[in-house]
Amino acid sequence: MKLVIDESRCKGCNLCVLVCPYGIFREGTELNSRGIVAPVLDRPERCTNCRLQALYGRMLCGVCHMICPDQAISWIDEKPFEPHRVEVEF
């Protein structure tokens, strides 16, 4: 699974930046095509849903998805053998 932000739906409220317990979002710095500064994924490899959802078969956190008033945050399936970085924390 891979986390994505749909910039066509995002209004730049940055609630996801505030609530994410893993710190994977940061405030954006550039205007998108609609003139909105949308948040960006800083370290998406820290997201437990992205790393472990296939293993456990259920949502583990999803706070960013629940808090987003515009439903602009979602997870998509990755292509087979798509390279991705995984961060292990101790």
PDB file of N, CA and C in Angstrom:
ATOM      1  N   MET A   1       0.832  -1.178   0.000  1.00  0.00           N
ATOM      2  CA  MET A   1       0.000   0.000   0.000  1.00  0.00           C
ATOM      3  C   MET A   1       0.875   1.240   0.000  1.00  0.00           C
ATOM      4  N   LYS A   2       0.343   2.276  -0.620  1.00  0.00           N
ATOM      5  CA  LYS A   2       1.078   3.533  -0.720  1.00  0.00           C
ATOM      6  C   LYS A   2       0.124   4.677  -0.431  1.00  0.00           C
ATOM      7  N   LEU A   3       0.570   5.617   0.365  1.00  0.00           N
ATOM      8  CA  LEU A   3      -0.232   6.772   0.734  1.00  0.00           C
ATOM      9  C   LEU A   3      -0.142   7.834  -0.351  1.00  0.00           C
ATOM     10  N   VAL A   4      -1.290   8.432  -0.704  1.00  0.00           N
ATOM     11  CA  VAL A   4      -1.311   9.503  -1.707  1.00  0.00           C
ATOM     12  C   VAL A   4      -2.225  10.628  -1.234  1.00  0.00           C
ATOM     13  N   ILE A   5      -1.878  11.841  -1.662  1.00  0.00           N
ATOM     14  CA  ILE A   5      -2.712  13.011  -1.404  1.00  0.00           C
ATOM     15  C   ILE A   5      -3.262  13.480  -2.738  1.00  0.00           C
ATOM     16  N   ASP A   6      -4.567  13.525  -2.860  1.00  0.00           N
ATOM     17  CA  ASP A   6      -5.217  14.000  -4.089  1.00  0.00           C
ATOM     18  C   ASP A   6      -5.265  15.524  -4.032  1.00  0.00           C
ATOM     19  N   GLU A   7      -4.343  16.161  -4.754  1.00  0.00           N
ATOM     20  CA  GLU A   7      -4.240  17.617  -4.702  1.00  0.00           C
ATOM     21  C   GLU A   7      -5.446  18.313  -5.308  1.00  0.00           C
ATOM     22  N   SER A   8      -6.227  17.605  -6.111  1.00  0.00           N
ATOM     23  CA  SER A   8      -7.423  18.231  -6.674  1.00  0.00           C
ATOM     24  C   SER A   8      -8.526  18.372  -5.626  1.00  0.00           C
ATOM     25  N   ARG A   9      -8.436  17.608  -4.538  1.00  0.00           N
ATOM     26  CA  ARG A   9      -9.431  17.683  -3.470  1.00  0.00           C
ATOM     27  C   ARG A   9      -8.928  18.441  -2.247  1.00  0.00           C
ATOM     28  N   CYS A  10      -7.615  18.498  -2.070  1.00  0.00           N
ATOM     29  CA  CYS A  10      -7.028  19.099  -0.872  1.00  0.00           C
ATOM     30  C   CYS A  10      -7.215  20.613  -0.875  1.00  0.00           C
ATOM     31  N   LYS A  11      -7.583  21.162   0.306  1.00  0.00           N
ATOM     32  CA  LYS A  11      -7.740  22.613   0.415  1.00  0.00           C
ATOM     33  C   LYS A  11      -6.628  23.246   1.237  1.00  0.00           C
ATOM     34  N   GLY A  12      -5.634  22.445   1.633  1.00  0.00           N
ATOM     35  CA  GLY A  12      -4.478  22.983   2.340  1.00  0.00           C
ATOM     36  C   GLY A  12      -4.701  23.311   3.793  1.00  0.00           C
ATOM     37  N   CYS A  13      -5.598  22.614   4.465  1.00  0.00           N
ATOM     38  CA  CYS A  13      -5.882  22.913   5.874  1.00  0.00           C
ATOM     39  C   CYS A  13      -4.770  22.426   6.808  1.00  0.00           C
ATOM     40  N   ASN A  14      -3.958  21.470   6.345  1.00  0.00           N
ATOM     41  CA  ASN A  14      -2.826  20.922   7.098  1.00  0.00           C
ATOM     42  C   ASN A  14      -3.222  20.207   8.384  1.00  0.00           C
ATOM     43  N   LEU A  15      -4.458  19.735   8.488  1.00  0.00           N
ATOM     44  CA  LEU A  15      -4.846  18.945   9.656  1.00  0.00           C
ATOM     45  C   LEU A  15      -4.063  17.637   9.717  1.00  0.00           C
ATOM     46  N   CYS A  16      -3.758  17.072   8.558  1.00  0.00           N
ATOM     47  CA  CYS A  16      -2.989  15.830   8.517  1.00  0.00           C
ATOM     48  C   CYS A  16      -1.597  16.027   9.111  1.00  0.00           C
ATOM     49  N   VAL A  17      -1.017  17.193   8.879  1.00  0.00           N
ATOM     50  CA  VAL A  17       0.303  17.507   9.431  1.00  0.00           C
ATOM     51  C   VAL A  17       0.236  17.524  10.962  1.00  0.00           C
ATOM     52  N   LEU A  18      -0.838  18.041  11.489  1.00  0.00           N
ATOM     53  CA  LEU A  18      -0.981  18.173  12.938  1.00  0.00           C
ATOM     54  C   LEU A  18      -1.273  16.860  13.653  1.00  0.00           C
ATOM     55  N   VAL A  19      -2.036  15.963  13.015  1.00  0.00           N
ATOM     56  CA  VAL A  19      -2.504  14.771  13.735  1.00  0.00           C
ATOM     57  C   VAL A  19      -1.676  13.515  13.505  1.00  0.00           C
ATOM     58  N   CYS A  20      -0.848  13.474  12.491  1.00  0.00           N
ATOM     59  CA  CYS A  20      -0.114  12.242  12.186  1.00  0.00           C
ATOM     60  C   CYS A  20       0.880  11.906  13.299  1.00  0.00           C
ATOM     61  N   PRO A  21       0.715  10.745  13.943  1.00  0.00           N
ATOM     62  CA  PRO A  21       1.629  10.380  15.029  1.00  0.00           C
ATOM     63  C   PRO A  21       3.017   9.978  14.530  1.00  0.00           C
ATOM     64  N   TYR A  22       3.159   9.724  13.232  1.00  0.00           N
ATOM     65  CA  TYR A  22       4.438   9.281  12.678  1.00  0.00           C
ATOM     66  C   TYR A  22       5.188  10.391  11.955  1.00  0.00           C
ATOM     67  N   GLY A  23       4.600  11.563  11.849  1.00  0.00           N
ATOM     68  CA  GLY A  23       5.268  12.703  11.236  1.00  0.00           C
ATOM     69  C   GLY A  23       5.601  12.520   9.771  1.00  0.00           C
ATOM     70  N   ILE A  24       4.682  11.929   9.007  1.00  0.00           N
ATOM     71  CA  ILE A  24       4.986  11.681   7.601  1.00  0.00           C
ATOM     72  C   ILE A  24       4.596  12.833   6.684  1.00  0.00           C
ATOM     73  N   PHE A  25       3.843  13.797   7.207  1.00  0.00           N
ATOM     74  CA  PHE A  25       3.441  14.953   6.408  1.00  0.00           C
ATOM     75  C   PHE A  25       4.228  16.183   6.839  1.00  0.00           C
ATOM     76  N   ARG A  26       4.399  17.116   5.928  1.00  0.00           N
ATOM     77  CA  ARG A  26       4.919  18.436   6.282  1.00  0.00           C
ATOM     78  C   ARG A  26       4.181  19.454   5.432  1.00  0.00           C
ATOM     79  N   GLU A  27       4.169  20.669   5.907  1.00  0.00           N
ATOM     80  CA  GLU A  27       3.474  21.722   5.173  1.00  0.00           C
ATOM     81  C   GLU A  27       4.169  21.961   3.843  1.00  0.00           C
ATOM     82  N   GLY A  28       3.380  22.124   2.804  1.00  0.00           N
ATOM     83  CA  GLY A  28       3.930  22.365   1.477  1.00  0.00           C
ATOM     84  C   GLY A  28       4.497  23.764   1.338  1.00  0.00           C
ATOM     85  N   THR A  29       5.248  23.972   0.274  1.00  0.00           N
ATOM     86  CA  THR A  29       5.860  25.278   0.046  1.00  0.00           C
ATOM     87  C   THR A  29       5.506  25.854  -1.318  1.00  0.00           C
ATOM     88  N   GLU A  30       4.918  25.043  -2.187  1.00  0.00           N
ATOM     89  CA  GLU A  30       4.617  25.505  -3.543  1.00  0.00           C
ATOM     90  C   GLU A  30       3.114  25.456  -3.804  1.00  0.00           C
ATOM     91  N   LEU A  31       2.649  26.411  -4.589  1.00  0.00           N
ATOM     92  CA  LEU A  31       1.241  26.437  -4.986  1.00  0.00           C
ATOM     93  C   LEU A  31       0.977  25.353  -6.014  1.00  0.00           C
ATOM     94  N   ASN A  32      -0.173  24.682  -5.893  1.00  0.00           N
ATOM     95  CA  ASN A  32      -0.557  23.721  -6.921  1.00  0.00           C
ATOM     96  C   ASN A  32      -1.347  24.433  -8.012  1.00  0.00           C
ATOM     97  N   SER A  33      -1.937  23.690  -8.921  1.00  0.00           N
ATOM     98  CA  SER A  33      -2.652  24.285 -10.062  1.00  0.00           C
ATOM     99  C   SER A  33      -3.871  25.102  -9.625  1.00  0.00           C
ATOM    100  N   ARG A  34      -4.414  24.839  -8.442  1.00  0.00           N
ATOM    101  CA  ARG A  34      -5.570  25.580  -7.927  1.00  0.00           C
ATOM    102  C   ARG A  34      -5.172  26.757  -7.048  1.00  0.00           C
ATOM    103  N   GLY A  35      -3.872  26.987  -6.884  1.00  0.00           N
ATOM    104  CA  GLY A  35      -3.411  28.084  -6.044  1.00  0.00           C
ATOM    105  C   GLY A  35      -3.422  27.775  -4.570  1.00  0.00           C
ATOM    106  N   ILE A  36      -3.362  26.503  -4.220  1.00  0.00           N
ATOM    107  CA  ILE A  36      -3.395  26.064  -2.831  1.00  0.00           C
ATOM    108  C   ILE A  36      -2.063  25.425  -2.489  1.00  0.00           C
ATOM    109  N   VAL A  37      -1.587  25.684  -1.292  1.00  0.00           N
ATOM    110  CA  VAL A  37      -0.364  25.043  -0.812  1.00  0.00           C
ATOM    111  C   VAL A  37      -0.782  23.771  -0.075  1.00  0.00           C
ATOM    112  N   ALA A  38      -0.679  22.653  -0.750  1.00  0.00           N
ATOM    113  CA  ALA A  38      -1.076  21.370  -0.177  1.00  0.00           C
ATOM    114  C   ALA A  38       0.101  20.766   0.585  1.00  0.00           C
ATOM    115  N   PRO A  39      -0.181  20.004   1.649  1.00  0.00           N
ATOM    116  CA  PRO A  39       0.901  19.327   2.365  1.00  0.00           C
ATOM    117  C   PRO A  39       1.567  18.286   1.471  1.00  0.00           C
ATOM    118  N   VAL A  40       2.771  17.934   1.820  1.00  0.00           N
ATOM    119  CA  VAL A  40       3.520  16.933   1.053  1.00  0.00           C
ATOM    120  C   VAL A  40       3.913  15.794   1.982  1.00  0.00           C
ATOM    121  N   LEU A  41       4.196  14.657   1.385  1.00  0.00           N
ATOM    122  CA  LEU A  41       4.644  13.499   2.146  1.00  0.00           C
ATOM    123  C   LEU A  41       6.134  13.646   2.401  1.00  0.00           C
ATOM    124  N   ASP A  42       6.498  13.788   3.653  1.00  0.00           N
ATOM    125  CA  ASP A  42       7.896  13.974   4.015  1.00  0.00           C
ATOM    126  C   ASP A  42       8.608  12.633   4.124  1.00  0.00           C
ATOM    127  N   ARG A  43       8.047  11.730   4.921  1.00  0.00           N
ATOM    128  CA  ARG A  43       8.629  10.401   5.099  1.00  0.00           C
ATOM    129  C   ARG A  43       7.516   9.352   5.099  1.00  0.00           C
ATOM    130  N   PRO A  44       6.938   9.064   3.935  1.00  0.00           N
ATOM    131  CA  PRO A  44       5.801   8.128   3.904  1.00  0.00           C
ATOM    132  C   PRO A  44       6.160   6.710   4.309  1.00  0.00           C
ATOM    133  N   GLU A  45       7.441   6.365   4.286  1.00  0.00           N
ATOM    134  CA  GLU A  45       7.834   5.008   4.669  1.00  0.00           C
ATOM    135  C   GLU A  45       7.604   4.728   6.150  1.00  0.00           C
ATOM    136  N   ARG A  46       7.330   5.756   6.940  1.00  0.00           N
ATOM    137  CA  ARG A  46       7.048   5.572   8.361  1.00  0.00           C
ATOM    138  C   ARG A  46       5.597   5.203   8.625  1.00  0.00           C
ATOM    139  N   CYS A  47       4.725   5.301   7.629  1.00  0.00           N
ATOM    140  CA  CYS A  47       3.300   5.030   7.823  1.00  0.00           C
ATOM    141  C   CYS A  47       3.076   3.543   8.082  1.00  0.00           C
ATOM    142  N   THR A  48       2.449   3.220   9.207  1.00  0.00           N
ATOM    143  CA  THR A  48       2.222   1.815   9.539  1.00  0.00           C
ATOM    144  C   THR A  48       1.227   1.157   8.597  1.00  0.00           C
ATOM    145  N   ASN A  49       0.264   1.916   8.083  1.00  0.00           N
ATOM    146  CA  ASN A  49      -0.679   1.326   7.137  1.00  0.00           C
ATOM    147  C   ASN A  49       0.028   0.932   5.856  1.00  0.00           C
ATOM    148  N   CYS A  50       0.910   1.788   5.382  1.00  0.00           N
ATOM    149  CA  CYS A  50       1.631   1.482   4.152  1.00  0.00           C
ATOM    150  C   CYS A  50       2.509   0.250   4.336  1.00  0.00           C
ATOM    151  N   ARG A  51       3.122   0.129   5.496  1.00  0.00           N
ATOM    152  CA  ARG A  51       4.058  -0.973   5.717  1.00  0.00           C
ATOM    153  C   ARG A  51       3.370  -2.271   6.109  1.00  0.00           C
ATOM    154  N   LEU A  52       2.317  -2.208   6.888  1.00  0.00           N
ATOM    155  CA  LEU A  52       1.805  -3.413   7.540  1.00  0.00           C
ATOM    156  C   LEU A  52       0.380  -3.808   7.176  1.00  0.00           C
ATOM    157  N   GLN A  53      -0.298  -3.019   6.356  1.00  0.00           N
ATOM    158  CA  GLN A  53      -1.694  -3.344   6.067  1.00  0.00           C
ATOM    159  C   GLN A  53      -1.823  -4.682   5.339  1.00  0.00           C
ATOM    160  N   ALA A  54      -0.927  -4.965   4.414  1.00  0.00           N
ATOM    161  CA  ALA A  54      -0.995  -6.250   3.702  1.00  0.00           C
ATOM    162  C   ALA A  54      -0.756  -7.415   4.661  1.00  0.00           C
ATOM    163  N   LEU A  55       0.100  -7.210   5.645  1.00  0.00           N
ATOM    164  CA  LEU A  55       0.403  -8.263   6.604  1.00  0.00           C
ATOM    165  C   LEU A  55      -0.773  -8.550   7.530  1.00  0.00           C
ATOM    166  N   TYR A  56      -1.402  -7.492   8.052  1.00  0.00           N
ATOM    167  CA  TYR A  56      -2.490  -7.664   9.017  1.00  0.00           C
ATOM    168  C   TYR A  56      -3.873  -7.616   8.383  1.00  0.00           C
ATOM    169  N   GLY A  57      -3.977  -7.093   7.169  1.00  0.00           N
ATOM    170  CA  GLY A  57      -5.250  -7.067   6.477  1.00  0.00           C
ATOM    171  C   GLY A  57      -6.259  -6.080   7.043  1.00  0.00           C
ATOM    172  N   ARG A  58      -5.801  -5.069   7.745  1.00  0.00           N
ATOM    173  CA  ARG A  58      -6.719  -4.076   8.303  1.00  0.00           C
ATOM    174  C   ARG A  58      -5.981  -2.755   8.495  1.00  0.00           C
ATOM    175  N   MET A  59      -6.752  -1.696   8.701  1.00  0.00           N
ATOM    176  CA  MET A  59      -6.169  -0.390   8.953  1.00  0.00           C
ATOM    177  C   MET A  59      -5.582  -0.371  10.357  1.00  0.00           C
ATOM    178  N   LEU A  60      -4.402   0.189  10.494  1.00  0.00           N
ATOM    179  CA  LEU A  60      -3.755   0.230  11.793  1.00  0.00           C
ATOM    180  C   LEU A  60      -3.831   1.603  12.441  1.00  0.00           C
ATOM    181  N   CYS A  61      -3.842   2.644  11.647  1.00  0.00           N
ATOM    182  CA  CYS A  61      -3.906   3.998  12.200  1.00  0.00           C
ATOM    183  C   CYS A  61      -5.019   4.747  11.467  1.00  0.00           C
ATOM    184  N   GLY A  62      -4.718   5.311  10.312  1.00  0.00           N
ATOM    185  CA  GLY A  62      -5.725   5.982   9.508  1.00  0.00           C
ATOM    186  C   GLY A  62      -6.209   7.310  10.050  1.00  0.00           C
ATOM    187  N   VAL A  63      -5.487   7.908  10.993  1.00  0.00           N
ATOM    188  CA  VAL A  63      -5.913   9.166  11.583  1.00  0.00           C
ATOM    189  C   VAL A  63      -5.958  10.265  10.518  1.00  0.00           C
ATOM    190  N   CYS A  64      -4.970  10.305   9.636  1.00  0.00           N
ATOM    191  CA  CYS A  64      -4.945  11.341   8.599  1.00  0.00           C
ATOM    192  C   CYS A  64      -6.143  11.207   7.662  1.00  0.00           C
ATOM    193  N   HIS A  65      -6.489   9.982   7.333  1.00  0.00           N
ATOM    194  CA  HIS A  65      -7.626   9.722   6.452  1.00  0.00           C
ATOM    195  C   HIS A  65      -8.940  10.137   7.120  1.00  0.00           C
ATOM    196  N   MET A  66      -9.057   9.870   8.419  1.00  0.00           N
ATOM    197  CA  MET A  66     -10.283  10.203   9.144  1.00  0.00           C
ATOM    198  C   MET A  66     -10.439  11.705   9.367  1.00  0.00           C
ATOM    199  N   ILE A  67      -9.324  12.413   9.595  1.00  0.00           N
ATOM    200  CA  ILE A  67      -9.398  13.834   9.927  1.00  0.00           C
ATOM    201  C   ILE A  67      -9.566  14.706   8.693  1.00  0.00           C
ATOM    202  N   CYS A  68      -9.206  14.219   7.520  1.00  0.00           N
ATOM    203  CA  CYS A  68      -9.237  15.035   6.299  1.00  0.00           C
ATOM    204  C   CYS A  68     -10.680  15.386   5.925  1.00  0.00           C
ATOM    205  N   PRO A  69     -11.032  16.676   5.971  1.00  0.00           N
ATOM    206  CA  PRO A  69     -12.412  17.060   5.687  1.00  0.00           C
ATOM    207  C   PRO A  69     -12.792  16.918   4.209  1.00  0.00           C
ATOM    208  N   ASP A  70     -11.813  16.820   3.345  1.00  0.00           N
ATOM    209  CA  ASP A  70     -12.084  16.730   1.907  1.00  0.00           C
ATOM    210  C   ASP A  70     -11.842  15.346   1.328  1.00  0.00           C
ATOM    211  N   GLN A  71     -11.521  14.378   2.170  1.00  0.00           N
ATOM    212  CA  GLN A  71     -11.237  13.011   1.745  1.00  0.00           C
ATOM    213  C   GLN A  71     -10.173  12.987   0.650  1.00  0.00           C
ATOM    214  N   ALA A  72      -9.116  13.745   0.871  1.00  0.00           N
ATOM    215  CA  ALA A  72      -8.048  13.852  -0.111  1.00  0.00           C
ATOM    216  C   ALA A  72      -6.915  12.864   0.138  1.00  0.00           C
ATOM    217  N   ILE A  73      -6.958  12.135   1.243  1.00  0.00           N
ATOM    218  CA  ILE A  73      -5.894  11.193   1.590  1.00  0.00           C
ATOM    219  C   ILE A  73      -6.426   9.777   1.442  1.00  0.00           C
ATOM    220  N   SER A  74      -5.658   8.949   0.753  1.00  0.00           N
ATOM    221  CA  SER A  74      -6.061   7.558   0.580  1.00  0.00           C
ATOM    222  C   SER A  74      -4.828   6.692   0.375  1.00  0.00           C
ATOM    223  N   TRP A  75      -5.052   5.396   0.367  1.00  0.00           N
ATOM    224  CA  TRP A  75      -3.996   4.435   0.101  1.00  0.00           C
ATOM    225  C   TRP A  75      -4.314   3.746  -1.215  1.00  0.00           C
ATOM    226  N   ILE A  76      -3.294   3.512  -1.997  1.00  0.00           N
ATOM    227  CA  ILE A  76      -3.460   2.780  -3.249  1.00  0.00           C
ATOM    228  C   ILE A  76      -2.504   1.594  -3.244  1.00  0.00           C
ATOM    229  N   ASP A  77      -2.865   0.578  -4.004  1.00  0.00           N
ATOM    230  CA  ASP A  77      -1.987  -0.586  -4.125  1.00  0.00           C
ATOM    231  C   ASP A  77      -0.763  -0.223  -4.944  1.00  0.00           C
ATOM    232  N   GLU A  78       0.363  -0.741  -4.537  1.00  0.00           N
ATOM    233  CA  GLU A  78       1.583  -0.517  -5.286  1.00  0.00           C
ATOM    234  C   GLU A  78       1.676  -1.548  -6.403  1.00  0.00           C
ATOM    235  N   LYS A  79       2.395  -1.189  -7.436  1.00  0.00           N
ATOM    236  CA  LYS A  79       2.626  -2.134  -8.515  1.00  0.00           C
ATOM    237  C   LYS A  79       3.562  -3.227  -8.005  1.00  0.00           C
ATOM    238  N   PRO A  80       3.432  -4.444  -8.544  1.00  0.00           N
ATOM    239  CA  PRO A  80       4.343  -5.510  -8.100  1.00  0.00           C
ATOM    240  C   PRO A  80       5.791  -5.114  -8.335  1.00  0.00           C
ATOM    241  N   PHE A  81       6.597  -5.354  -7.342  1.00  0.00           N
ATOM    242  CA  PHE A  81       8.035  -5.103  -7.392  1.00  0.00           C
ATOM    243  C   PHE A  81       8.380  -3.624  -7.545  1.00  0.00           C
ATOM    244  N   GLU A  82       7.444  -2.744  -7.185  1.00  0.00           N
ATOM    245  CA  GLU A  82       7.743  -1.320  -7.204  1.00  0.00           C
ATOM    246  C   GLU A  82       8.704  -1.021  -6.047  1.00  0.00           C
ATOM    247  N   PRO A  83       9.844  -0.411  -6.339  1.00  0.00           N
ATOM    248  CA  PRO A  83      10.799  -0.164  -5.244  1.00  0.00           C
ATOM    249  C   PRO A  83      10.236   0.869  -4.274  1.00  0.00           C
ATOM    250  N   HIS A  84      10.450   0.617  -3.001  1.00  0.00           N
ATOM    251  CA  HIS A  84      10.036   1.559  -1.975  1.00  0.00           C
ATOM    252  C   HIS A  84      10.962   1.420  -0.778  1.00  0.00           C
ATOM    253  N   ARG A  85      11.069   2.475  -0.044  1.00  0.00           N
ATOM    254  CA  ARG A  85      11.949   2.512   1.110  1.00  0.00           C
ATOM    255  C   ARG A  85      11.141   2.168   2.352  1.00  0.00           C
ATOM    256  N   VAL A  86      11.702   1.334   3.201  1.00  0.00           N
ATOM    257  CA  VAL A  86      11.060   0.984   4.462  1.00  0.00           C
ATOM    258  C   VAL A  86      11.978   1.416   5.584  1.00  0.00           C
ATOM    259  N   GLU A  87      11.429   2.091   6.556  1.00  0.00           N
ATOM    260  CA  GLU A  87      12.206   2.574   7.687  1.00  0.00           C
ATOM    261  C   GLU A  87      11.869   1.743   8.906  1.00  0.00           C
ATOM    262  N   VAL A  88      12.878   1.176   9.527  1.00  0.00           N
ATOM    263  CA  VAL A  88      12.706   0.357  10.722  1.00  0.00           C
ATOM    264  C   VAL A  88      13.076   1.211  11.921  1.00  0.00           C
ATOM    265  N   GLU A  89      12.187   1.241  12.913  1.00  0.00           N
ATOM    266  CA  GLU A  89      12.421   2.044  14.106  1.00  0.00           C
ATOM    267  C   GLU A  89      12.627   1.130  15.300  1.00  0.00           C
ATOM    268  N   PHE A  90      13.522   1.516  16.169  1.00  0.00           N
ATOM    269  CA  PHE A  90      13.783   0.741  17.391  1.00  0.00           C
ATOM    270  C   PHE A  90      13.360   1.514  18.602  1.00  0.00           C
TER     271      PHE A  90
END
